[in-house]
Amino acid sequence: MQTYMETEATPGMPLPTADSTGDELFRMGLLYSTGQGGAPLDYVSAHMLFNLAAMRGSEEGKIYRRELSREMDTVEVAEAQRAAREWLAHG
């Protein structure tokens, strides 16, 4: 399973960059977790972004990552974690 961000580019949607701050990553995660701002509803991408935000110091990212993981099955959480590791390796 791939995240939406890995399979499609949505015009106008912000994508994480190597220099994205924790706050920026958190805000991107909110878009995917709610399906707002033109983003598709995608919990795997949202979890990945919240995880990256948490790694960059976002307390909100930690909270939302934990909350969202309760709505996901273990396969989805594992996929989100894999996507975050891949992003870090290539970012």
C-alpha atoms as a PDB file:
ATOM      1  CA  MET A   1       0.000   0.000   0.000  1.00  0.00           C
ATOM      2  CA  GLN A   2       1.320   3.443  -0.878  1.00  0.00           C
ATOM      3  CA  THR A   3       0.332   6.753   0.590  1.00  0.00           C
ATOM      4  CA  TYR A   4      -1.521   9.238  -1.549  1.00  0.00           C
ATOM      5  CA  MET A   5       1.531  11.493  -1.524  1.00  0.00           C
ATOM      6  CA  GLU A   6       3.646   8.694  -3.036  1.00  0.00           C
ATOM      7  CA  THR A   7       1.263   7.925  -5.887  1.00  0.00           C
ATOM      8  CA  GLU A   8      -0.238  11.234  -6.998  1.00  0.00           C
ATOM      9  CA  ALA A   9       0.653  14.884  -7.101  1.00  0.00           C
ATOM     10  CA  THR A  10      -2.234  17.172  -6.275  1.00  0.00           C
ATOM     11  CA  PRO A  11      -1.799  20.634  -7.789  1.00  0.00           C
ATOM     12  CA  GLY A  12      -1.471  23.251  -5.075  1.00  0.00           C
ATOM     13  CA  MET A  13      -0.966  20.735  -2.259  1.00  0.00           C
ATOM     14  CA  PRO A  14       2.101  21.419  -0.146  1.00  0.00           C
ATOM     15  CA  LEU A  15       4.554  18.547   0.067  1.00  0.00           C
ATOM     16  CA  PRO A  16       7.129  18.087   2.803  1.00  0.00           C
ATOM     17  CA  THR A  17      10.643  19.225   1.991  1.00  0.00           C
ATOM     18  CA  ALA A  18      13.906  18.505   3.762  1.00  0.00           C
ATOM     19  CA  ASP A  19      13.736  21.902   5.463  1.00  0.00           C
ATOM     20  CA  SER A  20      10.056  21.706   6.524  1.00  0.00           C
ATOM     21  CA  THR A  21       9.638  22.682  10.158  1.00  0.00           C
ATOM     22  CA  GLY A  22       7.730  20.656  12.712  1.00  0.00           C
ATOM     23  CA  ASP A  23       4.900  23.180  12.557  1.00  0.00           C
ATOM     24  CA  GLU A  24       4.732  22.999   8.755  1.00  0.00           C
ATOM     25  CA  LEU A  25       4.696  19.203   8.815  1.00  0.00           C
ATOM     26  CA  PHE A  26       1.982  19.276  11.482  1.00  0.00           C
ATOM     27  CA  ARG A  27      -0.202  21.594   9.373  1.00  0.00           C
ATOM     28  CA  MET A  28       0.239  19.306   6.350  1.00  0.00           C
ATOM     29  CA  GLY A  29      -0.760  16.356   8.522  1.00  0.00           C
ATOM     30  CA  LEU A  30      -3.935  18.177   9.536  1.00  0.00           C
ATOM     31  CA  LEU A  31      -4.899  18.584   5.889  1.00  0.00           C
ATOM     32  CA  TYR A  32      -4.580  14.854   5.200  1.00  0.00           C
ATOM     33  CA  SER A  33      -6.184  13.789   8.490  1.00  0.00           C
ATOM     34  CA  THR A  34      -9.301  15.851   7.796  1.00  0.00           C
ATOM     35  CA  GLY A  35      -9.436  15.824   3.996  1.00  0.00           C
ATOM     36  CA  GLN A  36      -9.477  19.629   3.923  1.00  0.00           C
ATOM     37  CA  GLY A  37      -7.643  22.213   1.862  1.00  0.00           C
ATOM     38  CA  GLY A  38      -7.808  20.107  -1.277  1.00  0.00           C
ATOM     39  CA  ALA A  39      -6.108  17.117   0.349  1.00  0.00           C
ATOM     40  CA  PRO A  40      -7.652  13.682   0.178  1.00  0.00           C
ATOM     41  CA  LEU A  41      -8.543  11.991   3.452  1.00  0.00           C
ATOM     42  CA  ASP A  42      -5.447   9.819   3.956  1.00  0.00           C
ATOM     43  CA  TYR A  43      -4.626   8.622   7.457  1.00  0.00           C
ATOM     44  CA  VAL A  44      -1.367   6.966   6.399  1.00  0.00           C
ATOM     45  CA  SER A  45       0.011  10.205   4.947  1.00  0.00           C
ATOM     46  CA  ALA A  46      -1.319  12.166   7.923  1.00  0.00           C
ATOM     47  CA  HIS A  47       0.322   9.797  10.417  1.00  0.00           C
ATOM     48  CA  MET A  48       3.588  10.004   8.478  1.00  0.00           C
ATOM     49  CA  LEU A  49       3.479  13.799   8.587  1.00  0.00           C
ATOM     50  CA  PHE A  50       2.569  13.896  12.285  1.00  0.00           C
ATOM     51  CA  ASN A  51       5.431  11.491  12.969  1.00  0.00           C
ATOM     52  CA  LEU A  52       7.898  13.701  11.080  1.00  0.00           C
ATOM     53  CA  ALA A  53       6.508  16.776  12.851  1.00  0.00           C
ATOM     54  CA  ALA A  54       7.028  15.079  16.209  1.00  0.00           C
ATOM     55  CA  MET A  55      10.615  14.262  15.258  1.00  0.00           C
ATOM     56  CA  ARG A  56      11.125  17.954  14.553  1.00  0.00           C
ATOM     57  CA  GLY A  57       9.816  19.025  17.946  1.00  0.00           C
ATOM     58  CA  SER A  58       6.075  19.450  17.395  1.00  0.00           C
ATOM     59  CA  GLU A  59       4.206  18.545  20.570  1.00  0.00           C
ATOM     60  CA  GLU A  60       0.934  18.705  18.616  1.00  0.00           C
ATOM     61  CA  GLY A  61       2.407  16.229  16.138  1.00  0.00           C
ATOM     62  CA  LYS A  62       3.008  13.750  18.975  1.00  0.00           C
ATOM     63  CA  ILE A  63      -0.534  14.145  20.256  1.00  0.00           C
ATOM     64  CA  TYR A  64      -2.228  13.869  16.872  1.00  0.00           C
ATOM     65  CA  ARG A  65      -0.023  10.927  15.817  1.00  0.00           C
ATOM     66  CA  ARG A  66      -1.130   9.027  18.930  1.00  0.00           C
ATOM     67  CA  GLU A  67      -4.797   9.938  18.432  1.00  0.00           C
ATOM     68  CA  LEU A  68      -4.771   9.031  14.761  1.00  0.00           C
ATOM     69  CA  SER A  69      -3.048   5.696  15.372  1.00  0.00           C
ATOM     70  CA  ARG A  70      -6.107   4.697  17.436  1.00  0.00           C
ATOM     71  CA  GLU A  71      -8.225   5.083  14.285  1.00  0.00           C
ATOM     72  CA  MET A  72      -5.867   3.005  12.136  1.00  0.00           C
ATOM     73  CA  ASP A  73      -5.106  -0.698  11.960  1.00  0.00           C
ATOM     74  CA  THR A  74      -1.596  -1.985  12.628  1.00  0.00           C
ATOM     75  CA  VAL A  75      -0.831  -2.450   8.929  1.00  0.00           C
ATOM     76  CA  GLU A  76      -1.639   1.200   8.218  1.00  0.00           C
ATOM     77  CA  VAL A  77       0.480   2.421  11.135  1.00  0.00           C
ATOM     78  CA  ALA A  78       3.388   0.280   9.943  1.00  0.00           C
ATOM     79  CA  GLU A  79       3.005   1.695   6.433  1.00  0.00           C
ATOM     80  CA  ALA A  80       3.031   5.256   7.795  1.00  0.00           C
ATOM     81  CA  GLN A  81       6.171   4.534   9.805  1.00  0.00           C
ATOM     82  CA  ARG A  82       7.862   3.003   6.751  1.00  0.00           C
ATOM     83  CA  ALA A  83       6.922   6.047   4.663  1.00  0.00           C
ATOM     84  CA  ALA A  84       8.397   8.371   7.307  1.00  0.00           C
ATOM     85  CA  ARG A  85      11.658   6.386   7.371  1.00  0.00           C
ATOM     86  CA  GLU A  86      11.852   6.483   3.566  1.00  0.00           C
ATOM     87  CA  TRP A  87      11.187  10.217   3.523  1.00  0.00           C
ATOM     88  CA  LEU A  88      13.953  10.776   6.073  1.00  0.00           C
ATOM     89  CA  ALA A  89      16.365   8.645   4.039  1.00  0.00           C
ATOM     90  CA  HIS A  90      15.649  10.577   0.828  1.00  0.00           C
ATOM     91  CA  GLY A  91      14.835  14.008   2.263  1.00  0.00           C
END
